[in-house]
Protein backbone atom coordinates (compact mmCIF):
# COMPACT_ATOMS: atom_id res chain seq x y z
CA MET A 1 -4.67 3.95 -5.06
CA LEU A 2 -3.89 6.28 -2.20
CA ILE A 3 -4.58 5.29 1.41
CA ASP A 4 -4.17 7.78 4.25
CA ALA A 5 -3.57 5.54 7.27
CA ARG A 6 -2.30 8.24 9.61
CA GLY A 7 -3.76 7.90 13.06
CA LEU A 8 -5.20 4.46 12.47
CA PRO A 9 -4.50 1.69 14.96
CA ILE A 10 -1.97 -0.97 13.99
CA LEU A 11 -3.66 -3.99 12.43
CA PRO A 12 -3.30 -7.34 14.17
CA ALA A 13 -1.31 -10.00 12.28
CA ALA A 14 -4.43 -11.83 11.10
CA HIS A 15 -5.80 -8.63 9.56
CA ARG A 16 -2.47 -7.88 7.87
CA ARG A 17 -2.49 -11.37 6.32
CA ALA A 18 -6.07 -10.89 5.19
CA LEU A 19 -5.18 -7.54 3.63
CA ALA A 20 -2.23 -9.03 1.74
CA GLU A 21 -4.33 -11.97 0.56
CA GLN A 22 -7.09 -9.66 -0.61
CA MET A 23 -4.58 -7.57 -2.54
CA LYS A 24 -3.37 -10.74 -4.30
CA ALA A 25 -6.94 -11.85 -5.04
CA ASP A 26 -7.86 -8.42 -6.42
CA ASP A 27 -4.81 -8.45 -8.68
CA ALA A 28 -5.74 -11.92 -9.97
CA ALA A 29 -9.36 -10.87 -10.56
CA TYR A 30 -8.47 -7.52 -12.16
CA PRO A 31 -5.00 -7.93 -13.71
CA GLY A 32 -3.37 -4.66 -14.70
CA TYR A 33 -6.09 -2.54 -13.08
CA MET A 34 -3.94 -1.31 -10.19
CA LYS A 35 -1.22 1.02 -11.43
CA ALA A 36 0.19 2.44 -8.18
CA TYR A 37 -0.38 2.07 -4.44
CA ALA A 38 0.68 4.72 -1.95
CA THR A 39 0.12 4.64 1.79
CA VAL A 40 0.51 7.69 4.02
CA ILE A 41 1.59 6.63 7.50
CA ASP A 42 2.75 8.36 10.65
CA SER A 43 4.41 5.55 12.54
CA ALA A 44 7.69 3.67 12.23
CA VAL A 45 5.84 0.55 13.35
CA GLN A 46 3.35 0.97 10.50
CA ALA A 47 6.24 1.45 8.07
CA GLY A 48 7.85 -1.77 9.26
CA ILE A 49 4.60 -3.68 8.93
CA MET A 50 3.94 -2.39 5.41
CA THR A 51 7.50 -3.23 4.39
CA ALA A 52 7.05 -6.78 5.69
CA VAL A 53 3.73 -7.19 3.86
CA VAL A 54 5.34 -6.05 0.59
CA TRP A 55 8.28 -8.43 1.07
CA LEU A 56 5.98 -11.37 1.79
CA PHE A 57 3.45 -10.55 -0.92
CA PRO A 58 5.19 -8.61 -3.71
CA THR A 59 2.87 -6.71 -6.02
CA PRO A 60 3.12 -6.36 -9.80
CA TYR A 61 2.61 -2.61 -9.41
CA PRO A 62 4.77 -0.03 -7.63
CA MET A 63 4.07 0.52 -3.95
CA ARG A 64 5.46 3.30 -1.75
CA MET A 65 4.99 4.72 1.72
CA PHE A 66 4.92 8.40 2.57
CA SER A 67 4.66 10.48 5.71
CA GLU A 68 2.80 13.35 4.01
CA LEU A 69 -0.26 13.36 1.75
CA ALA A 70 0.90 15.81 -0.95
CA PRO A 71 4.02 13.85 -2.03
CA ALA A 72 2.01 10.61 -2.03
CA GLU A 73 -0.65 12.14 -4.27
CA ALA A 74 1.99 13.58 -6.62
CA TRP A 75 3.73 10.20 -6.88
CA VAL A 76 0.47 8.36 -7.65
CA ARG A 77 -0.47 10.89 -10.34
CA LYS A 78 3.00 10.74 -11.92
CA THR A 79 3.12 6.93 -11.79
CA ILE A 80 -0.34 6.53 -13.32
CA ALA A 81 0.50 9.03 -16.07
CA GLY A 82 3.54 6.93 -16.99
């Protein structure tokens, strides 16, 4: 999965929790379906928030943040290919 979150407003804490909980629920409902998760961000605050979400709710698949779209897309393609 590739999410381009550049320019989006910072999510409030309740929304961040809901996002993390939904990610856990999706993984439980569809185990092994998600192979890679990349987020393109343009803010240090967003990076800190994503890092905290990953620490609090670790995923069974690799997750990375990028500041540019092309490297994020390349990483997702490489990771999915194995």
